[in-house]
Amino acid sequence: MKKETSWFKVALSLNELLWQPNNMTVVEVNGKKITIAKFNNELFAFAYKCPHAGGVMAEGFIDSLGNAVCPLHRYKFSLKTGRNSTGEEYLKTYFIKLNEDGLFVGFEENKWF
């Protein structure tokens, strides 16, 4: 089994997105809502909802350590790995890249070859 990444264009530029004051926004990619965040000049893409209780992650905030904080129960997830600070759950993360052609989110798929 081989893992392959499928890339989907979400915007022509960062200015095209509707950023909230918390440096997060929500986009729809390949039929799924995804949260995109900016932190320390880096971009991150992760699940729309918290795996713990379904809170909308874009309604939370990013703490000073680079964790996305859920608005419901203040669960903290690393923007880089998706790992919960207590190790109980993981927030699904996605690949993201910005180049001269636009902003893209990548989904990893299992392929049988």
N, C-alpha and C. Protein backbone atom coordinates (compact mmCIF):
# COMPACT_ATOMS: atom_id res chain seq x y z
N MET A 1 0.85 -1.17 0.00
CA MET A 1 0.00 0.00 0.00
C MET A 1 0.89 1.24 0.00
N LYS A 2 0.53 2.20 -0.83
CA LYS A 2 1.31 3.43 -0.95
C LYS A 2 0.41 4.61 -0.60
N LYS A 3 0.98 5.59 0.14
CA LYS A 3 0.21 6.79 0.45
C LYS A 3 0.52 7.85 -0.58
N GLU A 4 -0.53 8.47 -1.08
CA GLU A 4 -0.41 9.49 -2.10
C GLU A 4 -1.18 10.72 -1.62
N THR A 5 -0.71 11.90 -1.98
CA THR A 5 -1.39 13.13 -1.58
C THR A 5 -2.11 13.73 -2.77
N SER A 6 -3.39 14.03 -2.58
CA SER A 6 -4.18 14.73 -3.59
C SER A 6 -4.32 16.18 -3.14
N TRP A 7 -3.95 17.12 -4.01
CA TRP A 7 -3.95 18.54 -3.67
C TRP A 7 -5.17 19.24 -4.27
N PHE A 8 -5.77 20.13 -3.48
CA PHE A 8 -6.95 20.88 -3.90
C PHE A 8 -6.71 22.37 -3.66
N LYS A 9 -6.98 23.16 -4.68
CA LYS A 9 -6.80 24.61 -4.58
C LYS A 9 -7.95 25.21 -3.81
N VAL A 10 -7.64 26.02 -2.79
CA VAL A 10 -8.69 26.65 -1.98
C VAL A 10 -8.77 28.15 -2.18
N ALA A 11 -7.71 28.77 -2.70
CA ALA A 11 -7.73 30.22 -2.92
C ALA A 11 -6.57 30.60 -3.84
N LEU A 12 -6.72 31.74 -4.49
CA LEU A 12 -5.64 32.27 -5.32
C LEU A 12 -4.53 32.88 -4.47
N SER A 13 -4.94 33.43 -3.30
CA SER A 13 -3.98 34.04 -2.37
C SER A 13 -4.57 34.04 -0.98
N LEU A 14 -3.75 34.37 0.02
CA LEU A 14 -4.24 34.44 1.41
C LEU A 14 -5.24 35.57 1.58
N ASN A 15 -5.09 36.63 0.80
CA ASN A 15 -5.99 37.79 0.91
C ASN A 15 -7.41 37.47 0.46
N GLU A 16 -7.57 36.39 -0.28
CA GLU A 16 -8.88 35.99 -0.77
C GLU A 16 -9.73 35.36 0.35
N LEU A 17 -9.09 34.89 1.41
CA LEU A 17 -9.80 34.22 2.51
C LEU A 17 -10.33 35.23 3.51
N LEU A 18 -11.42 34.87 4.18
CA LEU A 18 -12.03 35.72 5.21
C LEU A 18 -11.46 35.35 6.58
N TRP A 19 -10.37 36.01 6.95
CA TRP A 19 -9.69 35.70 8.21
C TRP A 19 -10.43 36.32 9.38
N GLN A 20 -10.58 35.56 10.45
CA GLN A 20 -11.15 36.05 11.70
C GLN A 20 -10.03 36.70 12.51
N PRO A 21 -10.36 37.51 13.51
CA PRO A 21 -9.32 38.14 14.33
C PRO A 21 -8.39 37.13 15.03
N ASN A 22 -8.82 35.88 15.18
CA ASN A 22 -8.00 34.85 15.83
C ASN A 22 -7.04 34.17 14.83
N ASN A 23 -6.91 34.73 13.62
CA ASN A 23 -6.04 34.18 12.56
C ASN A 23 -6.46 32.80 12.09
N MET A 24 -7.76 32.55 12.10
CA MET A 24 -8.29 31.30 11.57
C MET A 24 -9.40 31.60 10.58
N THR A 25 -9.62 30.66 9.69
CA THR A 25 -10.71 30.75 8.72
C THR A 25 -11.17 29.34 8.38
N VAL A 26 -12.33 29.23 7.79
CA VAL A 26 -12.88 27.93 7.39
C VAL A 26 -13.06 27.94 5.88
N VAL A 27 -12.64 26.86 5.25
CA VAL A 27 -12.82 26.70 3.81
C VAL A 27 -13.46 25.33 3.57
N GLU A 28 -14.07 25.19 2.41
CA GLU A 28 -14.59 23.88 2.03
C GLU A 28 -13.67 23.31 0.96
N VAL A 29 -13.18 22.11 1.19
CA VAL A 29 -12.23 21.47 0.29
C VAL A 29 -12.72 20.05 0.02
N ASN A 30 -12.90 19.73 -1.23
CA ASN A 30 -13.28 18.37 -1.59
C ASN A 30 -14.49 17.88 -0.79
N GLY A 31 -15.46 18.77 -0.56
CA GLY A 31 -16.67 18.41 0.16
C GLY A 31 -16.55 18.40 1.68
N LYS A 32 -15.38 18.83 2.21
CA LYS A 32 -15.17 18.84 3.66
C LYS A 32 -14.85 20.24 4.14
N LYS A 33 -15.35 20.61 5.31
CA LYS A 33 -14.95 21.87 5.93
C LYS A 33 -13.61 21.65 6.63
N ILE A 34 -12.71 22.59 6.42
CA ILE A 34 -11.36 22.53 6.98
C ILE A 34 -11.05 23.87 7.63
N THR A 35 -10.35 23.85 8.75
CA THR A 35 -9.88 25.08 9.38
C THR A 35 -8.47 25.37 8.89
N ILE A 36 -8.22 26.62 8.55
CA ILE A 36 -6.87 27.05 8.20
C ILE A 36 -6.48 28.12 9.21
N ALA A 37 -5.24 28.01 9.70
CA ALA A 37 -4.75 28.95 10.71
C ALA A 37 -3.40 29.51 10.30
N LYS A 38 -3.13 30.75 10.75
CA LYS A 38 -1.82 31.38 10.58
C LYS A 38 -1.22 31.54 11.97
N PHE A 39 0.05 31.14 12.10
CA PHE A 39 0.75 31.31 13.38
C PHE A 39 2.24 31.44 13.09
N ASN A 40 2.86 32.49 13.57
CA ASN A 40 4.30 32.73 13.36
C ASN A 40 4.71 32.58 11.90
N ASN A 41 3.97 33.21 11.02
CA ASN A 41 4.26 33.20 9.58
C ASN A 41 4.20 31.81 8.94
N GLU A 42 3.49 30.88 9.56
CA GLU A 42 3.29 29.55 8.99
C GLU A 42 1.79 29.32 8.85
N LEU A 43 1.44 28.45 7.91
CA LEU A 43 0.05 28.07 7.70
C LEU A 43 -0.17 26.64 8.15
N PHE A 44 -1.36 26.39 8.68
CA PHE A 44 -1.72 25.05 9.16
C PHE A 44 -3.15 24.75 8.73
N ALA A 45 -3.43 23.50 8.42
CA ALA A 45 -4.77 23.07 8.05
C ALA A 45 -5.15 21.89 8.94
N PHE A 46 -6.35 21.94 9.48
CA PHE A 46 -6.80 20.88 10.39
C PHE A 46 -8.31 20.79 10.39
N ALA A 47 -8.81 19.80 11.14
CA ALA A 47 -10.23 19.49 11.18
C ALA A 47 -11.08 20.70 11.57
N TYR A 48 -12.28 20.72 11.03
CA TYR A 48 -13.26 21.77 11.33
C TYR A 48 -13.76 21.66 12.78
N LYS A 49 -13.95 20.41 13.24
CA LYS A 49 -14.49 20.20 14.58
C LYS A 49 -13.50 19.48 15.49
N CYS A 50 -13.57 19.78 16.76
CA CYS A 50 -12.76 19.13 17.78
C CYS A 50 -13.19 17.66 17.91
N PRO A 51 -12.24 16.73 17.99
CA PRO A 51 -12.61 15.32 18.13
C PRO A 51 -13.21 14.98 19.49
N HIS A 52 -13.05 15.85 20.48
CA HIS A 52 -13.54 15.58 21.82
C HIS A 52 -15.05 15.76 21.92
N ALA A 53 -15.54 16.97 21.58
CA ALA A 53 -16.97 17.22 21.74
C ALA A 53 -17.58 17.98 20.56
N GLY A 54 -16.85 18.08 19.46
CA GLY A 54 -17.42 18.67 18.26
C GLY A 54 -17.43 20.18 18.20
N GLY A 55 -16.66 20.85 19.06
CA GLY A 55 -16.59 22.31 19.00
C GLY A 55 -15.98 22.76 17.68
N VAL A 56 -16.44 23.87 17.15
CA VAL A 56 -15.90 24.41 15.91
C VAL A 56 -14.56 25.06 16.22
N MET A 57 -13.50 24.48 15.70
CA MET A 57 -12.14 24.92 16.06
C MET A 57 -11.87 26.38 15.70
N ALA A 58 -12.44 26.87 14.61
CA ALA A 58 -12.22 28.26 14.20
C ALA A 58 -12.86 29.27 15.14
N GLU A 59 -13.70 28.79 16.06
CA GLU A 59 -14.30 29.67 17.06
C GLU A 59 -13.45 29.74 18.33
N GLY A 60 -12.36 28.97 18.35
CA GLY A 60 -11.44 28.98 19.48
C GLY A 60 -10.35 30.01 19.26
N PHE A 61 -9.13 29.65 19.67
CA PHE A 61 -8.01 30.57 19.48
C PHE A 61 -6.72 29.77 19.40
N ILE A 62 -5.64 30.46 19.06
CA ILE A 62 -4.32 29.86 19.04
C ILE A 62 -3.55 30.43 20.22
N ASP A 63 -3.03 29.54 21.08
CA ASP A 63 -2.28 30.03 22.24
C ASP A 63 -0.85 30.39 21.85
N SER A 64 -0.10 30.93 22.80
CA SER A 64 1.26 31.41 22.53
C SER A 64 2.24 30.29 22.21
N LEU A 65 1.88 29.03 22.50
CA LEU A 65 2.75 27.90 22.21
C LEU A 65 2.46 27.26 20.85
N GLY A 66 1.48 27.78 20.14
CA GLY A 66 1.15 27.22 18.84
C GLY A 66 0.17 26.07 18.91
N ASN A 67 -0.75 26.14 19.84
CA ASN A 67 -1.81 25.14 19.95
C ASN A 67 -3.14 25.75 19.55
N ALA A 68 -3.94 25.00 18.78
CA ALA A 68 -5.31 25.39 18.50
C ALA A 68 -6.13 24.98 19.72
N VAL A 69 -6.87 25.93 20.28
CA VAL A 69 -7.63 25.68 21.50
C VAL A 69 -9.12 25.65 21.18
N CYS A 70 -9.76 24.54 21.51
CA CYS A 70 -11.18 24.36 21.26
C CYS A 70 -12.00 25.32 22.13
N PRO A 71 -13.05 25.92 21.58
CA PRO A 71 -13.85 26.86 22.36
C PRO A 71 -14.73 26.21 23.43
N LEU A 72 -15.00 24.92 23.32
CA LEU A 72 -15.91 24.28 24.28
C LEU A 72 -15.25 23.93 25.61
N HIS A 73 -14.20 23.12 25.57
CA HIS A 73 -13.59 22.64 26.81
C HIS A 73 -12.11 23.00 26.92
N ARG A 74 -11.65 23.87 26.03
CA ARG A 74 -10.26 24.37 26.04
C ARG A 74 -9.23 23.26 25.80
N TYR A 75 -9.63 22.21 25.08
CA TYR A 75 -8.65 21.20 24.68
C TYR A 75 -7.65 21.86 23.75
N LYS A 76 -6.37 21.55 23.91
CA LYS A 76 -5.31 22.15 23.12
C LYS A 76 -4.69 21.10 22.20
N PHE A 77 -4.54 21.48 20.92
CA PHE A 77 -3.97 20.59 19.92
C PHE A 77 -2.83 21.29 19.21
N SER A 78 -1.70 20.60 19.08
CA SER A 78 -0.56 21.14 18.37
C SER A 78 -0.94 21.43 16.92
N LEU A 79 -0.62 22.63 16.45
CA LEU A 79 -0.88 22.96 15.05
C LEU A 79 -0.05 22.09 14.11
N LYS A 80 1.13 21.68 14.56
CA LYS A 80 2.04 20.90 13.70
C LYS A 80 1.68 19.42 13.63
N THR A 81 1.30 18.83 14.77
CA THR A 81 1.08 17.38 14.79
C THR A 81 -0.38 16.98 15.02
N GLY A 82 -1.20 17.89 15.54
CA GLY A 82 -2.58 17.58 15.86
C GLY A 82 -2.74 16.89 17.21
N ARG A 83 -1.62 16.62 17.88
CA ARG A 83 -1.67 15.91 19.16
C ARG A 83 -2.25 16.79 20.27
N ASN A 84 -3.14 16.21 21.06
CA ASN A 84 -3.71 16.90 22.21
C ASN A 84 -2.63 17.03 23.28
N SER A 85 -2.63 18.13 24.00
CA SER A 85 -1.59 18.37 25.01
C SER A 85 -1.59 17.32 26.11
N THR A 86 -2.71 16.63 26.33
CA THR A 86 -2.75 15.57 27.34
C THR A 86 -2.58 14.18 26.72
N GLY A 87 -2.45 14.13 25.39
CA GLY A 87 -2.21 12.86 24.71
C GLY A 87 -3.42 11.99 24.49
N GLU A 88 -4.61 12.47 24.83
CA GLU A 88 -5.80 11.63 24.74
C GLU A 88 -6.35 11.49 23.33
N GLU A 89 -6.33 12.58 22.57
CA GLU A 89 -6.96 12.56 21.26
C GLU A 89 -6.10 13.33 20.27
N TYR A 90 -6.39 13.13 19.00
CA TYR A 90 -5.67 13.83 17.94
C TYR A 90 -6.65 14.61 17.09
N LEU A 91 -6.23 15.80 16.69
CA LEU A 91 -6.97 16.61 15.75
C LEU A 91 -6.43 16.28 14.37
N LYS A 92 -7.29 15.92 13.45
CA LYS A 92 -6.85 15.57 12.09
C LYS A 92 -6.18 16.79 11.46
N THR A 93 -4.99 16.60 10.92
CA THR A 93 -4.27 17.67 10.24
C THR A 93 -4.14 17.33 8.76
N TYR A 94 -3.93 18.36 7.96
CA TYR A 94 -3.80 18.20 6.51
C TYR A 94 -2.56 18.95 6.05
N PHE A 95 -2.04 18.54 4.90
CA PHE A 95 -0.93 19.26 4.29
C PHE A 95 -1.45 20.58 3.74
N ILE A 96 -0.60 21.59 3.75
CA ILE A 96 -0.98 22.88 3.18
C ILE A 96 0.25 23.51 2.54
N LYS A 97 0.03 24.16 1.40
CA LYS A 97 1.15 24.84 0.75
C LYS A 97 0.63 26.07 0.02
N LEU A 98 1.47 27.09 0.00
CA LEU A 98 1.18 28.32 -0.70
C LEU A 98 2.30 28.53 -1.71
N ASN A 99 1.93 28.69 -2.98
CA ASN A 99 2.92 28.99 -4.00
C ASN A 99 2.35 30.02 -4.96
N GLU A 100 3.04 30.27 -6.06
CA GLU A 100 2.60 31.31 -6.99
C GLU A 100 1.27 30.98 -7.65
N ASP A 101 0.85 29.71 -7.62
CA ASP A 101 -0.43 29.30 -8.21
C ASP A 101 -1.60 29.41 -7.23
N GLY A 102 -1.32 29.60 -5.94
CA GLY A 102 -2.39 29.73 -4.96
C GLY A 102 -2.14 28.93 -3.70
N LEU A 103 -3.20 28.79 -2.91
CA LEU A 103 -3.16 28.04 -1.65
C LEU A 103 -3.81 26.69 -1.87
N PHE A 104 -3.12 25.63 -1.45
CA PHE A 104 -3.58 24.26 -1.66
C PHE A 104 -3.60 23.49 -0.35
N VAL A 105 -4.61 22.61 -0.21
CA VAL A 105 -4.69 21.69 0.93
C VAL A 105 -4.57 20.28 0.36
N GLY A 106 -3.75 19.45 1.04
CA GLY A 106 -3.52 18.09 0.58
C GLY A 106 -4.15 17.04 1.48
N PHE A 107 -4.78 16.07 0.85
CA PHE A 107 -5.37 14.93 1.56
C PHE A 107 -4.56 13.69 1.23
N GLU A 108 -4.16 12.98 2.25
CA GLU A 108 -3.41 11.74 2.05
C GLU A 108 -4.39 10.61 1.80
N GLU A 109 -4.11 9.83 0.76
CA GLU A 109 -4.96 8.70 0.41
C GLU A 109 -4.13 7.45 0.32
N ASN A 110 -4.71 6.33 0.70
CA ASN A 110 -4.05 5.03 0.55
C ASN A 110 -4.35 4.48 -0.83
N LYS A 111 -3.31 4.11 -1.52
CA LYS A 111 -3.45 3.54 -2.86
C LYS A 111 -2.87 2.13 -2.86
N TRP A 112 -3.58 1.23 -3.51
CA TRP A 112 -3.07 -0.13 -3.64
C TRP A 112 -2.41 -0.27 -5.00
N PHE A 113 -1.12 -0.55 -5.01
CA PHE A 113 -0.37 -0.70 -6.26
C PHE A 113 0.27 -2.06 -6.30
